Amino acid sequence: MTVSARALFLDRDGVINRDSGYTHRWEDFVFIDGIFDLCRTASERGYRLMVITNQAGIGRGLYTEKEFLSLTARMCERFAEEGAMIDKVYFDPTHPEHGIGEYRRISPMRKPNPGMLLAAAGEFGLSLPQSVLIGDKISDLQAGIAAKVGCNLLYRHAASIDEDVSAVRLATAVLHDLRDAVQYLN
């Protein structure tokens, strides 16, 4: 497979939608202002749109994989309606300490590990050094750096009180408006 495509990798909770804590119902899913504008521009510039999300709520027994997939389908439909098709949603339902049963384990896919990014690169022939990642937590940035993603952006919305200095140091830049990420898309 020829590696030539580039991607915009997006964390879900805190980047695509407001993080209300284990969001799993459509009625609680509130899109963050600017996400559709950013994704339309990225698509127009030739970026593949990938979602990479830890979903420990499944592993903790707070909601099912079926509920997550149903919500994900609705989210992707909304992106399509907005003219920004999501190419794929990668998720990891495990948690090494709080997972229940088969979900209690260390997974190479769970951020901060780079597994989801590497899987996307392999499946879609992506150039990770030419790609961009947007996350709101240090684990997102750590995954991007481990996968050698070229640009790792930290999104901090106005209501964010978590100013993780370590995350700020790892980031290529800190964004307070998702539309500002456009300047990092070649």
C-alpha atoms as a PDB file:
ATOM      1  CA  MET A   1       0.000   0.000   0.000  1.00  0.00           C
ATOM      2  CA  THR A   2       1.338   3.422  -0.947  1.00  0.00           C
ATOM      3  CA  VAL A   3       1.548   5.846   1.955  1.00  0.00           C
ATOM      4  CA  SER A   4       0.444   9.231   0.686  1.00  0.00           C
ATOM      5  CA  ALA A   5      -2.824  10.178   2.353  1.00  0.00           C
ATOM      6  CA  ARG A   6      -2.912  12.320   5.449  1.00  0.00           C
ATOM      7  CA  ALA A   7      -5.468  12.425   8.218  1.00  0.00           C
ATOM      8  CA  LEU A   8      -7.025  14.701  10.746  1.00  0.00           C
ATOM      9  CA  PHE A   9      -7.283  12.569  13.880  1.00  0.00           C
ATOM     10  CA  LEU A  10      -9.906  13.716  16.353  1.00  0.00           C
ATOM     11  CA  ASP A  11     -10.507  12.631  19.906  1.00  0.00           C
ATOM     12  CA  ARG A  12     -14.250  12.404  20.533  1.00  0.00           C
ATOM     13  CA  ASP A  13     -15.222  13.535  24.052  1.00  0.00           C
ATOM     14  CA  GLY A  14     -13.867  17.034  24.567  1.00  0.00           C
ATOM     15  CA  VAL A  15     -13.054  17.705  20.889  1.00  0.00           C
ATOM     16  CA  ILE A  16     -16.072  16.616  18.818  1.00  0.00           C
ATOM     17  CA  ASN A  17     -18.603  16.826  21.632  1.00  0.00           C
ATOM     18  CA  ARG A  18     -18.747  18.321  25.089  1.00  0.00           C
ATOM     19  CA  ASP A  19     -17.340  15.875  27.583  1.00  0.00           C
ATOM     20  CA  SER A  20     -20.168  15.369  30.049  1.00  0.00           C
ATOM     21  CA  GLY A  21     -18.596  12.209  31.471  1.00  0.00           C
ATOM     22  CA  TYR A  22     -19.108   8.921  29.639  1.00  0.00           C
ATOM     23  CA  THR A  23     -21.372  10.445  27.003  1.00  0.00           C
ATOM     24  CA  HIS A  24     -23.398   7.630  25.474  1.00  0.00           C
ATOM     25  CA  ARG A  25     -26.889   9.009  24.783  1.00  0.00           C
ATOM     26  CA  TRP A  26     -27.756  11.155  21.767  1.00  0.00           C
ATOM     27  CA  GLU A  27     -29.738  13.591  23.903  1.00  0.00           C
ATOM     28  CA  ASP A  28     -26.539  14.332  25.870  1.00  0.00           C
ATOM     29  CA  PHE A  29     -24.344  14.658  22.772  1.00  0.00           C
ATOM     30  CA  VAL A  30     -23.565  18.351  22.168  1.00  0.00           C
ATOM     31  CA  PHE A  31     -21.224  19.167  19.294  1.00  0.00           C
ATOM     32  CA  ILE A  32     -18.437  21.636  20.010  1.00  0.00           C
ATOM     33  CA  ASP A  33     -18.677  24.875  18.089  1.00  0.00           C
ATOM     34  CA  GLY A  34     -16.425  24.909  15.046  1.00  0.00           C
ATOM     35  CA  ILE A  35     -16.004  21.138  14.624  1.00  0.00           C
ATOM     36  CA  PHE A  36     -17.962  20.981  11.357  1.00  0.00           C
ATOM     37  CA  ASP A  37     -16.219  24.030   9.869  1.00  0.00           C
ATOM     38  CA  LEU A  38     -12.833  22.525  10.700  1.00  0.00           C
ATOM     39  CA  CYS A  39     -13.700  19.097   9.303  1.00  0.00           C
ATOM     40  CA  ARG A  40     -15.179  20.488   6.069  1.00  0.00           C
ATOM     41  CA  THR A  41     -11.997  22.476   5.487  1.00  0.00           C
ATOM     42  CA  ALA A  42      -9.820  19.456   6.285  1.00  0.00           C
ATOM     43  CA  SER A  43     -11.794  17.315   3.823  1.00  0.00           C
ATOM     44  CA  GLU A  44     -11.514  19.994   1.137  1.00  0.00           C
ATOM     45  CA  ARG A  45      -7.743  19.976   1.656  1.00  0.00           C
ATOM     46  CA  GLY A  46      -7.538  16.218   1.202  1.00  0.00           C
ATOM     47  CA  TYR A  47      -7.397  15.011   4.793  1.00  0.00           C
ATOM     48  CA  ARG A  48      -9.092  11.769   5.809  1.00  0.00           C
ATOM     49  CA  LEU A  49     -11.196  12.250   8.955  1.00  0.00           C
ATOM     50  CA  MET A  50     -10.531   9.725  11.702  1.00  0.00           C
ATOM     51  CA  VAL A  51     -11.945   9.560  15.214  1.00  0.00           C
ATOM     52  CA  ILE A  52      -9.798   7.896  17.871  1.00  0.00           C
ATOM     53  CA  THR A  53     -11.511   7.499  21.211  1.00  0.00           C
ATOM     54  CA  ASN A  54     -11.042   5.617  24.456  1.00  0.00           C
ATOM     55  CA  GLN A  55     -14.424   4.366  25.600  1.00  0.00           C
ATOM     56  CA  ALA A  56     -13.769   2.978  29.067  1.00  0.00           C
ATOM     57  CA  GLY A  57     -17.455   3.478  29.890  1.00  0.00           C
ATOM     58  CA  ILE A  58     -18.085   0.264  27.955  1.00  0.00           C
ATOM     59  CA  GLY A  59     -15.416  -1.561  29.934  1.00  0.00           C
ATOM     60  CA  ARG A  60     -16.749  -0.174  33.209  1.00  0.00           C
ATOM     61  CA  GLY A  61     -20.248  -1.437  32.388  1.00  0.00           C
ATOM     62  CA  LEU A  62     -21.793   2.052  32.158  1.00  0.00           C
ATOM     63  CA  TYR A  63     -23.103   1.462  28.628  1.00  0.00           C
ATOM     64  CA  THR A  64     -22.845  -1.235  25.998  1.00  0.00           C
ATOM     65  CA  GLU A  65     -20.849  -1.446  22.819  1.00  0.00           C
ATOM     66  CA  LYS A  66     -24.177  -1.551  20.954  1.00  0.00           C
ATOM     67  CA  GLU A  67     -25.204   1.774  22.544  1.00  0.00           C
ATOM     68  CA  PHE A  68     -21.832   3.280  21.621  1.00  0.00           C
ATOM     69  CA  LEU A  69     -22.117   2.089  18.012  1.00  0.00           C
ATOM     70  CA  SER A  70     -25.670   3.459  17.734  1.00  0.00           C
ATOM     71  CA  LEU A  71     -24.530   6.879  18.991  1.00  0.00           C
ATOM     72  CA  THR A  72     -21.509   6.738  16.677  1.00  0.00           C
ATOM     73  CA  ALA A  73     -23.736   6.062  13.659  1.00  0.00           C
ATOM     74  CA  ARG A  74     -25.839   9.126  14.497  1.00  0.00           C
ATOM     75  CA  MET A  75     -22.715  11.236  15.001  1.00  0.00           C
ATOM     76  CA  CYS A  76     -21.342  10.149  11.611  1.00  0.00           C
ATOM     77  CA  GLU A  77     -24.708  10.867   9.941  1.00  0.00           C
ATOM     78  CA  ARG A  78     -24.591  14.395  11.327  1.00  0.00           C
ATOM     79  CA  PHE A  79     -21.057  14.901  10.005  1.00  0.00           C
ATOM     80  CA  ALA A  80     -22.209  13.688   6.572  1.00  0.00           C
ATOM     81  CA  GLU A  81     -25.137  16.131   6.668  1.00  0.00           C
ATOM     82  CA  GLU A  82     -22.606  18.884   7.429  1.00  0.00           C
ATOM     83  CA  GLY A  83     -20.459  17.933   4.424  1.00  0.00           C
ATOM     84  CA  ALA A  84     -17.635  16.293   6.373  1.00  0.00           C
ATOM     85  CA  MET A  85     -17.597  12.500   6.108  1.00  0.00           C
ATOM     86  CA  ILE A  86     -15.881  10.623   8.921  1.00  0.00           C
ATOM     87  CA  ASP A  87     -13.781   7.902   7.306  1.00  0.00           C
ATOM     88  CA  LYS A  88     -13.663   5.684  10.395  1.00  0.00           C
ATOM     89  CA  VAL A  89     -14.133   5.690  14.147  1.00  0.00           C
ATOM     90  CA  TYR A  90     -11.565   3.700  16.104  1.00  0.00           C
ATOM     91  CA  PHE A  91     -12.348   3.008  19.748  1.00  0.00           C
ATOM     92  CA  ASP A  92     -10.974   1.064  22.654  1.00  0.00           C
ATOM     93  CA  PRO A  93     -13.393  -0.081  25.379  1.00  0.00           C
ATOM     94  CA  THR A  94     -10.815  -1.393  27.846  1.00  0.00           C
ATOM     95  CA  HIS A  95      -9.502  -0.026  31.107  1.00  0.00           C
ATOM     96  CA  PRO A  96      -6.492  -1.612  32.830  1.00  0.00           C
ATOM     97  CA  GLU A  97      -7.804  -1.015  36.377  1.00  0.00           C
ATOM     98  CA  HIS A  98     -11.547  -0.372  36.242  1.00  0.00           C
ATOM     99  CA  GLY A  99     -12.598  -2.590  33.359  1.00  0.00           C
ATOM    100  CA  ILE A 100     -14.944  -5.476  34.088  1.00  0.00           C
ATOM    101  CA  GLY A 101     -14.182  -9.002  32.902  1.00  0.00           C
ATOM    102  CA  GLU A 102     -12.594  -9.118  29.440  1.00  0.00           C
ATOM    103  CA  TYR A 103     -12.381  -5.324  29.424  1.00  0.00           C
ATOM    104  CA  ARG A 104      -9.944  -5.210  32.339  1.00  0.00           C
ATOM    105  CA  ARG A 105      -6.609  -5.351  30.590  1.00  0.00           C
ATOM    106  CA  ILE A 106      -3.819  -3.316  29.112  1.00  0.00           C
ATOM    107  CA  SER A 107      -4.496  -2.657  25.446  1.00  0.00           C
ATOM    108  CA  PRO A 108      -2.067  -1.390  22.798  1.00  0.00           C
ATOM    109  CA  MET A 109      -5.054   0.419  21.278  1.00  0.00           C
ATOM    110  CA  ARG A 110      -5.955   2.467  24.360  1.00  0.00           C
ATOM    111  CA  LYS A 111      -4.449   5.957  24.378  1.00  0.00           C
ATOM    112  CA  PRO A 112      -1.778   6.932  25.370  1.00  0.00           C
ATOM    113  CA  ASN A 113      -0.688   3.904  23.320  1.00  0.00           C
ATOM    114  CA  PRO A 114      -0.583   4.580  19.575  1.00  0.00           C
ATOM    115  CA  GLY A 115      -2.516   1.488  18.433  1.00  0.00           C
ATOM    116  CA  MET A 116      -5.562   3.250  16.972  1.00  0.00           C
ATOM    117  CA  LEU A 117      -3.391   5.668  15.003  1.00  0.00           C
ATOM    118  CA  LEU A 118      -1.171   2.881  13.696  1.00  0.00           C
ATOM    119  CA  ALA A 119      -4.228   0.810  12.728  1.00  0.00           C
ATOM    120  CA  ALA A 120      -5.658   3.757  10.777  1.00  0.00           C
ATOM    121  CA  ALA A 121      -2.318   4.368   9.067  1.00  0.00           C
ATOM    122  CA  GLY A 122      -2.149   0.738   7.989  1.00  0.00           C
ATOM    123  CA  GLU A 123      -5.754   0.501   6.873  1.00  0.00           C
ATOM    124  CA  PHE A 124      -5.863   3.790   4.939  1.00  0.00           C
ATOM    125  CA  GLY A 125      -2.222   4.178   3.833  1.00  0.00           C
ATOM    126  CA  LEU A 126      -1.755   7.334   5.893  1.00  0.00           C
ATOM    127  CA  SER A 127       1.420   9.328   6.296  1.00  0.00           C
ATOM    128  CA  LEU A 128       1.454   9.986  10.031  1.00  0.00           C
ATOM    129  CA  PRO A 129       4.192  12.656   9.816  1.00  0.00           C
ATOM    130  CA  GLN A 130       1.936  14.614   7.431  1.00  0.00           C
ATOM    131  CA  SER A 131      -1.134  14.157   9.636  1.00  0.00           C
ATOM    132  CA  VAL A 132      -2.660  16.282  12.390  1.00  0.00           C
ATOM    133  CA  LEU A 133      -4.139  15.176  15.719  1.00  0.00           C
ATOM    134  CA  ILE A 134      -6.436  17.201  17.967  1.00  0.00           C
ATOM    135  CA  GLY A 135      -6.982  16.049  21.527  1.00  0.00           C
ATOM    136  CA  ASP A 136      -7.937  17.559  24.847  1.00  0.00           C
ATOM    137  CA  LYS A 137      -5.893  15.336  27.174  1.00  0.00           C
ATOM    138  CA  ILE A 138      -2.248  14.459  27.600  1.00  0.00           C
ATOM    139  CA  SER A 139      -2.993  10.829  26.639  1.00  0.00           C
ATOM    140  CA  ASP A 140      -4.172  12.011  23.205  1.00  0.00           C
ATOM    141  CA  LEU A 141      -0.930  13.898  22.611  1.00  0.00           C
ATOM    142  CA  GLN A 142       1.185  11.027  23.933  1.00  0.00           C
ATOM    143  CA  ALA A 143      -0.491   8.663  21.461  1.00  0.00           C
ATOM    144  CA  GLY A 144       0.133  11.097  18.607  1.00  0.00           C
ATOM    145  CA  ILE A 145       3.768  11.547  19.517  1.00  0.00           C
ATOM    146  CA  ALA A 146       4.292   7.796  19.931  1.00  0.00           C
ATOM    147  CA  ALA A 147       2.804   7.253  16.455  1.00  0.00           C
ATOM    148  CA  LYS A 148       4.982  10.061  15.033  1.00  0.00           C
ATOM    149  CA  VAL A 149       2.035  12.239  14.007  1.00  0.00           C
ATOM    150  CA  GLY A 150       3.553  15.452  12.637  1.00  0.00           C
ATOM    151  CA  CYS A 151       1.282  17.966  14.393  1.00  0.00           C
ATOM    152  CA  ASN A 152      -0.336  17.349  17.777  1.00  0.00           C
ATOM    153  CA  LEU A 153      -2.761  20.069  18.852  1.00  0.00           C
ATOM    154  CA  LEU A 154      -4.220  20.489  22.334  1.00  0.00           C
ATOM    155  CA  TYR A 155      -7.773  21.837  22.390  1.00  0.00           C
ATOM    156  CA  ARG A 156      -8.769  23.826  25.461  1.00  0.00           C
ATOM    157  CA  HIS A 157     -12.304  25.190  25.277  1.00  0.00           C
ATOM    158  CA  ALA A 158     -13.268  28.260  27.289  1.00  0.00           C
ATOM    159  CA  ALA A 159     -14.836  26.220  30.110  1.00  0.00           C
ATOM    160  CA  SER A 160     -11.744  24.044  30.539  1.00  0.00           C
ATOM    161  CA  ILE A 161     -10.181  24.384  33.964  1.00  0.00           C
ATOM    162  CA  ASP A 162      -7.604  21.659  33.441  1.00  0.00           C
ATOM    163  CA  GLU A 163      -4.382  23.392  32.444  1.00  0.00           C
ATOM    164  CA  ASP A 164      -2.125  20.369  32.368  1.00  0.00           C
ATOM    165  CA  VAL A 165       1.318  21.923  31.956  1.00  0.00           C
ATOM    166  CA  SER A 166       2.726  18.604  30.723  1.00  0.00           C
ATOM    167  CA  ALA A 167       0.112  18.438  27.966  1.00  0.00           C
ATOM    168  CA  VAL A 168       0.810  22.032  26.962  1.00  0.00           C
ATOM    169  CA  ARG A 169       4.534  21.243  26.684  1.00  0.00           C
ATOM    170  CA  LEU A 170       3.867  18.250  24.431  1.00  0.00           C
ATOM    171  CA  ALA A 171       1.527  20.119  22.094  1.00  0.00           C
ATOM    172  CA  THR A 172       2.560  21.673  18.815  1.00  0.00           C
ATOM    173  CA  ALA A 173       0.087  24.412  19.772  1.00  0.00           C
ATOM    174  CA  VAL A 174      -2.842  25.034  22.115  1.00  0.00           C
ATOM    175  CA  LEU A 175      -6.192  25.925  20.548  1.00  0.00           C
ATOM    176  CA  HIS A 176      -9.115  27.685  22.191  1.00  0.00           C
ATOM    177  CA  ASP A 177     -11.255  27.606  19.046  1.00  0.00           C
ATOM    178  CA  LEU A 178     -11.328  24.526  16.823  1.00  0.00           C
ATOM    179  CA  ARG A 179     -11.424  26.705  13.705  1.00  0.00           C
ATOM    180  CA  ASP A 180      -7.887  27.847  14.537  1.00  0.00           C
ATOM    181  CA  ALA A 181      -6.620  24.354  13.676  1.00  0.00           C
ATOM    182  CA  VAL A 182      -7.104  25.210   9.995  1.00  0.00           C
ATOM    183  CA  GLN A 183      -3.755  27.024   9.975  1.00  0.00           C
ATOM    184  CA  TYR A 184      -2.021  23.692  10.725  1.00  0.00           C
ATOM    185  CA  LEU A 185      -3.616  21.925   7.752  1.00  0.00           C
ATOM    186  CA  ASN A 186      -1.281  22.112   4.741  1.00  0.00           C
END
